[in-house]
Amino acid sequence: MNATADSLLDLRDTPCPINFIRTKLKLEQMSPGSLLEVWLDPGEPIEQVPDSLAMEGYKIEAIENRSEFFALKVRRPVVS
């Protein structure tokens, strides 16, 4: 499943934990069920941000290595 993201957030060259905070704020502004694509640098950002989002209850749908950066697809949960 390669769903098209509803929104894109380019956080390359953004240090931890600012990239996590910006991702979380963006997700909170989006509609429940929306898919956000986040561009993250290799190393600490791609190691930390997906785990932190998962702990907050967000669903990690995909992590794609695009050689220069990683594309993380994360979905805002639908509150039932």
PDB file of N, CA and C in Angstrom:
ATOM      1  N   MET A   1       0.848  -1.193   0.000  1.00  0.00           N
ATOM      2  CA  MET A   1       0.000   0.000   0.000  1.00  0.00           C
ATOM      3  C   MET A   1       0.884   1.244   0.000  1.00  0.00           C
ATOM      4  N   ASN A   2       0.775   2.028  -1.035  1.00  0.00           N
ATOM      5  CA  ASN A   2       1.570   3.246  -1.127  1.00  0.00           C
ATOM      6  C   ASN A   2       0.611   4.429  -1.242  1.00  0.00           C
ATOM      7  N   ALA A   3       0.014   4.771  -0.130  1.00  0.00           N
ATOM      8  CA  ALA A   3      -0.991   5.833  -0.110  1.00  0.00           C
ATOM      9  C   ALA A   3      -0.339   7.192  -0.334  1.00  0.00           C
ATOM     10  N   THR A   4      -1.073   8.063  -1.003  1.00  0.00           N
ATOM     11  CA  THR A   4      -0.608   9.425  -1.205  1.00  0.00           C
ATOM     12  C   THR A   4      -0.863  10.229   0.066  1.00  0.00           C
ATOM     13  N   ALA A   5       0.162  10.934   0.515  1.00  0.00           N
ATOM     14  CA  ALA A   5       0.044  11.712   1.743  1.00  0.00           C
ATOM     15  C   ALA A   5      -0.879  12.913   1.528  1.00  0.00           C
ATOM     16  N   ASP A   6      -1.605  13.269   2.578  1.00  0.00           N
ATOM     17  CA  ASP A   6      -2.471  14.445   2.543  1.00  0.00           C
ATOM     18  C   ASP A   6      -1.659  15.728   2.700  1.00  0.00           C
ATOM     19  N   SER A   7      -0.483  15.604   3.330  1.00  0.00           N
ATOM     20  CA  SER A   7       0.354  16.771   3.582  1.00  0.00           C
ATOM     21  C   SER A   7       1.811  16.334   3.643  1.00  0.00           C
ATOM     22  N   LEU A   8       2.718  17.276   3.348  1.00  0.00           N
ATOM     23  CA  LEU A   8       4.152  16.996   3.356  1.00  0.00           C
ATOM     24  C   LEU A   8       4.848  17.982   4.280  1.00  0.00           C
ATOM     25  N   LEU A   9       5.762  17.461   5.091  1.00  0.00           N
ATOM     26  CA  LEU A   9       6.530  18.277   6.024  1.00  0.00           C
ATOM     27  C   LEU A   9       8.007  17.971   5.789  1.00  0.00           C
ATOM     28  N   ASP A  10       8.755  18.954   5.291  1.00  0.00           N
ATOM     29  CA  ASP A  10      10.182  18.780   5.013  1.00  0.00           C
ATOM     30  C   ASP A  10      10.976  19.230   6.235  1.00  0.00           C
ATOM     31  N   LEU A  11      11.507  18.264   6.992  1.00  0.00           N
ATOM     32  CA  LEU A  11      12.262  18.580   8.203  1.00  0.00           C
ATOM     33  C   LEU A  11      13.738  18.199   8.063  1.00  0.00           C
ATOM     34  N   ARG A  12      14.243  18.202   6.831  1.00  0.00           N
ATOM     35  CA  ARG A  12      15.672  17.977   6.647  1.00  0.00           C
ATOM     36  C   ARG A  12      16.428  19.147   7.280  1.00  0.00           C
ATOM     37  N   ASP A  13      17.567  18.841   7.859  1.00  0.00           N
ATOM     38  CA  ASP A  13      18.389  19.836   8.579  1.00  0.00           C
ATOM     39  C   ASP A  13      17.699  20.394   9.821  1.00  0.00           C
ATOM     40  N   THR A  14      16.719  19.684  10.340  1.00  0.00           N
ATOM     41  CA  THR A  14      16.051  20.084  11.588  1.00  0.00           C
ATOM     42  C   THR A  14      16.506  19.131  12.692  1.00  0.00           C
ATOM     43  N   PRO A  15      17.064  19.662  13.789  1.00  0.00           N
ATOM     44  CA  PRO A  15      17.592  18.785  14.841  1.00  0.00           C
ATOM     45  C   PRO A  15      16.503  18.163  15.707  1.00  0.00           C
ATOM     46  N   CYS A  16      16.862  17.062  16.380  1.00  0.00           N
ATOM     47  CA  CYS A  16      15.998  16.466  17.399  1.00  0.00           C
ATOM     48  C   CYS A  16      16.072  17.352  18.638  1.00  0.00           C
ATOM     49  N   PRO A  17      15.035  17.526  19.426  1.00  0.00           N
ATOM     50  CA  PRO A  17      13.697  16.964  19.242  1.00  0.00           C
ATOM     51  C   PRO A  17      12.748  17.894  18.495  1.00  0.00           C
ATOM     52  N   ILE A  18      13.277  18.962  17.887  1.00  0.00           N
ATOM     53  CA  ILE A  18      12.415  19.928  17.196  1.00  0.00           C
ATOM     54  C   ILE A  18      11.649  19.259  16.057  1.00  0.00           C
ATOM     55  N   ASN A  19      12.287  18.329  15.349  1.00  0.00           N
ATOM     56  CA  ASN A  19      11.595  17.664  14.247  1.00  0.00           C
ATOM     57  C   ASN A  19      10.402  16.838  14.746  1.00  0.00           C
ATOM     58  N   PHE A  20      10.542  16.197  15.904  1.00  0.00           N
ATOM     59  CA  PHE A  20       9.423  15.457  16.482  1.00  0.00           C
ATOM     60  C   PHE A  20       8.294  16.406  16.882  1.00  0.00           C
ATOM     61  N   ILE A  21       8.642  17.515  17.530  1.00  0.00           N
ATOM     62  CA  ILE A  21       7.636  18.485  17.988  1.00  0.00           C
ATOM     63  C   ILE A  21       6.875  19.065  16.793  1.00  0.00           C
ATOM     64  N   ARG A  22       7.602  19.432  15.737  1.00  0.00           N
ATOM     65  CA  ARG A  22       6.940  19.987  14.545  1.00  0.00           C
ATOM     66  C   ARG A  22       6.038  18.957  13.874  1.00  0.00           C
ATOM     67  N   THR A  23       6.491  17.700  13.842  1.00  0.00           N
ATOM     68  CA  THR A  23       5.672  16.636  13.251  1.00  0.00           C
ATOM     69  C   THR A  23       4.391  16.453  14.050  1.00  0.00           C
ATOM     70  N   LYS A  24       4.519  16.411  15.367  1.00  0.00           N
ATOM     71  CA  LYS A  24       3.356  16.215  16.232  1.00  0.00           C
ATOM     72  C   LYS A  24       2.370  17.375  16.104  1.00  0.00           C
ATOM     73  N   LEU A  25       2.880  18.608  16.088  1.00  0.00           N
ATOM     74  CA  LEU A  25       1.998  19.777  15.931  1.00  0.00           C
ATOM     75  C   LEU A  25       1.256  19.727  14.600  1.00  0.00           C
ATOM     76  N   LYS A  26       1.964  19.343  13.529  1.00  0.00           N
ATOM     77  CA  LYS A  26       1.342  19.246  12.203  1.00  0.00           C
ATOM     78  C   LYS A  26       0.238  18.182  12.215  1.00  0.00           C
ATOM     79  N   LEU A  27       0.520  17.029  12.808  1.00  0.00           N
ATOM     80  CA  LEU A  27      -0.483  15.960  12.875  1.00  0.00           C
ATOM     81  C   LEU A  27      -1.714  16.406  13.658  1.00  0.00           C
ATOM     82  N   GLU A  28      -1.512  17.175  14.724  1.00  0.00           N
ATOM     83  CA  GLU A  28      -2.641  17.637  15.535  1.00  0.00           C
ATOM     84  C   GLU A  28      -3.528  18.615  14.770  1.00  0.00           C
ATOM     85  N   GLN A  29      -2.964  19.287  13.751  1.00  0.00           N
ATOM     86  CA  GLN A  29      -3.749  20.232  12.945  1.00  0.00           C
ATOM     87  C   GLN A  29      -4.517  19.519  11.828  1.00  0.00           C
ATOM     88  N   MET A  30      -4.134  18.288  11.534  1.00  0.00           N
ATOM     89  CA  MET A  30      -4.745  17.556  10.415  1.00  0.00           C
ATOM     90  C   MET A  30      -5.998  16.813  10.874  1.00  0.00           C
ATOM     91  N   SER A  31      -6.824  16.431   9.917  1.00  0.00           N
ATOM     92  CA  SER A  31      -8.049  15.685  10.222  1.00  0.00           C
ATOM     93  C   SER A  31      -7.698  14.275  10.668  1.00  0.00           C
ATOM     94  N   PRO A  32      -8.506  13.701  11.576  1.00  0.00           N
ATOM     95  CA  PRO A  32      -8.292  12.307  11.951  1.00  0.00           C
ATOM     96  C   PRO A  32      -8.297  11.404  10.713  1.00  0.00           C
ATOM     97  N   GLY A  33      -7.358  10.471  10.675  1.00  0.00           N
ATOM     98  CA  GLY A  33      -7.245   9.572   9.536  1.00  0.00           C
ATOM     99  C   GLY A  33      -6.353  10.094   8.425  1.00  0.00           C
ATOM    100  N   SER A  34      -5.905  11.347   8.520  1.00  0.00           N
ATOM    101  CA  SER A  34      -5.041  11.934   7.492  1.00  0.00           C
ATOM    102  C   SER A  34      -3.647  11.323   7.536  1.00  0.00           C
ATOM    103  N   LEU A  35      -3.008  11.328   6.367  1.00  0.00           N
ATOM    104  CA  LEU A  35      -1.656  10.777   6.248  1.00  0.00           C
ATOM    105  C   LEU A  35      -0.669  11.916   6.011  1.00  0.00           C
ATOM    106  N   LEU A  36       0.385  11.945   6.824  1.00  0.00           N
ATOM    107  CA  LEU A  36       1.426  12.968   6.724  1.00  0.00           C
ATOM    108  C   LEU A  36       2.725  12.311   6.281  1.00  0.00           C
ATOM    109  N   GLU A  37       3.366  12.903   5.280  1.00  0.00           N
ATOM    110  CA  GLU A  37       4.699  12.456   4.874  1.00  0.00           C
ATOM    111  C   GLU A  37       5.708  13.452   5.432  1.00  0.00           C
ATOM    112  N   VAL A  38       6.705  12.914   6.143  1.00  0.00           N
ATOM    113  CA  VAL A  38       7.726  13.744   6.774  1.00  0.00           C
ATOM    114  C   VAL A  38       9.083  13.349   6.212  1.00  0.00           C
ATOM    115  N   TRP A  39       9.862  14.348   5.782  1.00  0.00           N
ATOM    116  CA  TRP A  39      11.207  14.085   5.293  1.00  0.00           C
ATOM    117  C   TRP A  39      12.190  14.323   6.422  1.00  0.00           C
ATOM    118  N   LEU A  40      12.949  13.281   6.746  1.00  0.00           N
ATOM    119  CA  LEU A  40      13.892  13.326   7.866  1.00  0.00           C
ATOM    120  C   LEU A  40      15.295  12.937   7.416  1.00  0.00           C
ATOM    121  N   ASP A  41      16.282  13.478   8.109  1.00  0.00           N
ATOM    122  CA  ASP A  41      17.675  13.137   7.835  1.00  0.00           C
ATOM    123  C   ASP A  41      17.993  11.737   8.363  1.00  0.00           C
ATOM    124  N   PRO A  42      19.044  11.098   7.807  1.00  0.00           N
ATOM    125  CA  PRO A  42      19.519   9.832   8.360  1.00  0.00           C
ATOM    126  C   PRO A  42      20.084  10.044   9.765  1.00  0.00           C
ATOM    127  N   GLY A  43      20.300   8.961  10.476  1.00  0.00           N
ATOM    128  CA  GLY A  43      20.874   9.048  11.820  1.00  0.00           C
ATOM    129  C   GLY A  43      19.809   9.262  12.879  1.00  0.00           C
ATOM    130  N   GLU A  44      20.096  10.155  13.814  1.00  0.00           N
ATOM    131  CA  GLU A  44      19.210  10.363  14.962  1.00  0.00           C
ATOM    132  C   GLU A  44      17.772  10.692  14.574  1.00  0.00           C
ATOM    133  N   PRO A  45      17.517  11.598  13.599  1.00  0.00           N
ATOM    134  CA  PRO A  45      16.116  11.912  13.277  1.00  0.00           C
ATOM    135  C   PRO A  45      15.288  10.690  12.877  1.00  0.00           C
ATOM    136  N   ILE A  46      15.785   9.864  11.954  1.00  0.00           N
ATOM    137  CA  ILE A  46      14.975   8.715  11.514  1.00  0.00           C
ATOM    138  C   ILE A  46      14.955   7.618  12.574  1.00  0.00           C
ATOM    139  N   GLU A  47      15.936   7.611  13.472  1.00  0.00           N
ATOM    140  CA  GLU A  47      15.932   6.624  14.556  1.00  0.00           C
ATOM    141  C   GLU A  47      14.970   7.021  15.674  1.00  0.00           C
ATOM    142  N   GLN A  48      14.858   8.326  15.948  1.00  0.00           N
ATOM    143  CA  GLN A  48      14.085   8.797  17.098  1.00  0.00           C
ATOM    144  C   GLN A  48      12.625   9.140  16.785  1.00  0.00           C
ATOM    145  N   VAL A  49      12.399   9.852  15.699  1.00  0.00           N
ATOM    146  CA  VAL A  49      11.062  10.398  15.436  1.00  0.00           C
ATOM    147  C   VAL A  49       9.989   9.312  15.268  1.00  0.00           C
ATOM    148  N   PRO A  50      10.209   8.257  14.437  1.00  0.00           N
ATOM    149  CA  PRO A  50       9.152   7.237  14.310  1.00  0.00           C
ATOM    150  C   PRO A  50       8.811   6.560  15.635  1.00  0.00           C
ATOM    151  N   ASP A  51       9.838   6.237  16.452  1.00  0.00           N
ATOM    152  CA  ASP A  51       9.585   5.599  17.745  1.00  0.00           C
ATOM    153  C   ASP A  51       8.796   6.516  18.668  1.00  0.00           C
ATOM    154  N   SER A  52       9.172   7.798  18.690  1.00  0.00           N
ATOM    155  CA  SER A  52       8.473   8.757  19.550  1.00  0.00           C
ATOM    156  C   SER A  52       7.022   8.916  19.123  1.00  0.00           C
ATOM    157  N   LEU A  53       6.768   8.975  17.809  1.00  0.00           N
ATOM    158  CA  LEU A  53       5.392   9.100  17.306  1.00  0.00           C
ATOM    159  C   LEU A  53       4.578   7.866  17.644  1.00  0.00           C
ATOM    160  N   ALA A  54       5.167   6.685  17.488  1.00  0.00           N
ATOM    161  CA  ALA A  54       4.459   5.432  17.799  1.00  0.00           C
ATOM    162  C   ALA A  54       4.076   5.385  19.277  1.00  0.00           C
ATOM    163  N   MET A  55       4.978   5.855  20.146  1.00  0.00           N
ATOM    164  CA  MET A  55       4.675   5.889  21.583  1.00  0.00           C
ATOM    165  C   MET A  55       3.535   6.848  21.898  1.00  0.00           C
ATOM    166  N   GLU A  56       3.341   7.864  21.045  1.00  0.00           N
ATOM    167  CA  GLU A  56       2.257   8.831  21.230  1.00  0.00           C
ATOM    168  C   GLU A  56       0.941   8.335  20.612  1.00  0.00           C
ATOM    169  N   GLY A  57       0.961   7.156  19.977  1.00  0.00           N
ATOM    170  CA  GLY A  57      -0.258   6.584  19.431  1.00  0.00           C
ATOM    171  C   GLY A  57      -0.475   6.803  17.947  1.00  0.00           C
ATOM    172  N   TYR A  58       0.526   7.350  17.247  1.00  0.00           N
ATOM    173  CA  TYR A  58       0.401   7.535  15.803  1.00  0.00           C
ATOM    174  C   TYR A  58       0.827   6.265  15.078  1.00  0.00           C
ATOM    175  N   LYS A  59       0.205   6.014  13.925  1.00  0.00           N
ATOM    176  CA  LYS A  59       0.485   4.796  13.162  1.00  0.00           C
ATOM    177  C   LYS A  59       1.526   5.087  12.088  1.00  0.00           C
ATOM    178  N   ILE A  60       2.675   4.414  12.194  1.00  0.00           N
ATOM    179  CA  ILE A  60       3.725   4.548  11.187  1.00  0.00           C
ATOM    180  C   ILE A  60       3.359   3.621  10.031  1.00  0.00           C
ATOM    181  N   GLU A  61       3.116   4.189   8.856  1.00  0.00           N
ATOM    182  CA  GLU A  61       2.686   3.385   7.715  1.00  0.00           C
ATOM    183  C   GLU A  61       3.835   2.974   6.821  1.00  0.00           C
ATOM    184  N   ALA A  62       4.861   3.814   6.718  1.00  0.00           N
ATOM    185  CA  ALA A  62       5.984   3.490   5.841  1.00  0.00           C
ATOM    186  C   ALA A  62       7.192   4.337   6.199  1.00  0.00           C
ATOM    187  N   ILE A  63       8.370   3.745   5.979  1.00  0.00           N
ATOM    188  CA  ILE A  63       9.622   4.491   6.050  1.00  0.00           C
ATOM    189  C   ILE A  63      10.382   4.132   4.777  1.00  0.00           C
ATOM    190  N   GLU A  64      10.606   5.126   3.940  1.00  0.00           N
ATOM    191  CA  GLU A  64      11.268   4.895   2.660  1.00  0.00           C
ATOM    192  C   GLU A  64      12.626   5.578   2.657  1.00  0.00           C
ATOM    193  N   ASN A  65      13.663   4.824   2.283  1.00  0.00           N
ATOM    194  CA  ASN A  65      15.002   5.389   2.162  1.00  0.00           C
ATOM    195  C   ASN A  65      15.130   5.993   0.772  1.00  0.00           C
ATOM    196  N   ARG A  66      15.259   7.298   0.709  1.00  0.00           N
ATOM    197  CA  ARG A  66      15.372   7.991  -0.583  1.00  0.00           C
ATOM    198  C   ARG A  66      16.794   8.517  -0.788  1.00  0.00           C
ATOM    199  N   SER A  67      17.753   7.765  -0.325  1.00  0.00           N
ATOM    200  CA  SER A  67      19.202   7.991  -0.407  1.00  0.00           C
ATOM    201  C   SER A  67      19.690   9.243   0.319  1.00  0.00           C
ATOM    202  N   GLU A  68      19.186  10.416   0.005  1.00  0.00           N
ATOM    203  CA  GLU A  68      19.627  11.645   0.693  1.00  0.00           C
ATOM    204  C   GLU A  68      18.878  11.866   2.012  1.00  0.00           C
ATOM    205  N   PHE A  69      17.685  11.297   2.105  1.00  0.00           N
ATOM    206  CA  PHE A  69      16.841  11.484   3.286  1.00  0.00           C
ATOM    207  C   PHE A  69      15.866  10.315   3.391  1.00  0.00           C
ATOM    208  N   PHE A  70      15.098  10.284   4.457  1.00  0.00           N
ATOM    209  CA  PHE A  70      14.072   9.265   4.646  1.00  0.00           C
ATOM    210  C   PHE A  70      12.692   9.924   4.581  1.00  0.00           C
ATOM    211  N   ALA A  71      11.747   9.223   3.959  1.00  0.00           N
ATOM    212  CA  ALA A  71      10.365   9.682   3.915  1.00  0.00           C
ATOM    213  C   ALA A  71       9.556   8.807   4.872  1.00  0.00           C
ATOM    214  N   LEU A  72       9.045   9.429   5.904  1.00  0.00           N
ATOM    215  CA  LEU A  72       8.250   8.746   6.922  1.00  0.00           C
ATOM    216  C   LEU A  72       6.785   9.070   6.670  1.00  0.00           C
ATOM    217  N   LYS A  73       5.956   8.029   6.562  1.00  0.00           N
ATOM    218  CA  LYS A  73       4.514   8.253   6.411  1.00  0.00           C
ATOM    219  C   LYS A  73       3.834   7.847   7.709  1.00  0.00           C
ATOM    220  N   VAL A  74       3.156   8.811   8.300  1.00  0.00           N
ATOM    221  CA  VAL A  74       2.508   8.603   9.596  1.00  0.00           C
ATOM    222  C   VAL A  74       1.058   9.072   9.511  1.00  0.00           C
ATOM    223  N   ARG A  75       0.144   8.274  10.094  1.00  0.00           N
ATOM    224  CA  ARG A  75      -1.276   8.574  10.019  1.00  0.00           C
ATOM    225  C   ARG A  75      -1.787   9.038  11.378  1.00  0.00           C
ATOM    226  N   ARG A  76      -2.591  10.098  11.327  1.00  0.00           N
ATOM    227  CA  ARG A  76      -3.258  10.546  12.549  1.00  0.00           C
ATOM    228  C   ARG A  76      -4.400   9.574  12.854  1.00  0.00           C
ATOM    229  N   PRO A  77      -4.453   9.056  14.074  1.00  0.00           N
ATOM    230  CA  PRO A  77      -5.516   8.085  14.381  1.00  0.00           C
ATOM    231  C   PRO A  77      -6.891   8.703  14.355  1.00  0.00           C
ATOM    232  N   VAL A  78      -7.873   7.861  14.027  1.00  0.00           N
ATOM    233  CA  VAL A  78      -9.274   8.269  14.078  1.00  0.00           C
ATOM    234  C   VAL A  78      -9.768   7.941  15.494  1.00  0.00           C
ATOM    235  N   VAL A  79     -10.228   8.956  16.197  1.00  0.00           N
ATOM    236  CA  VAL A  79     -10.711   8.756  17.567  1.00  0.00           C
ATOM    237  C   VAL A  79     -12.121   8.204  17.492  1.00  0.00           C
ATOM    238  N   SER A  80     -12.320   7.059  18.153  1.00  0.00           N
ATOM    239  CA  SER A  80     -13.660   6.443  18.091  1.00  0.00           C
ATOM    240  C   SER A  80     -14.455   6.750  19.331  1.00  0.00           C
TER     241      SER A  80
END
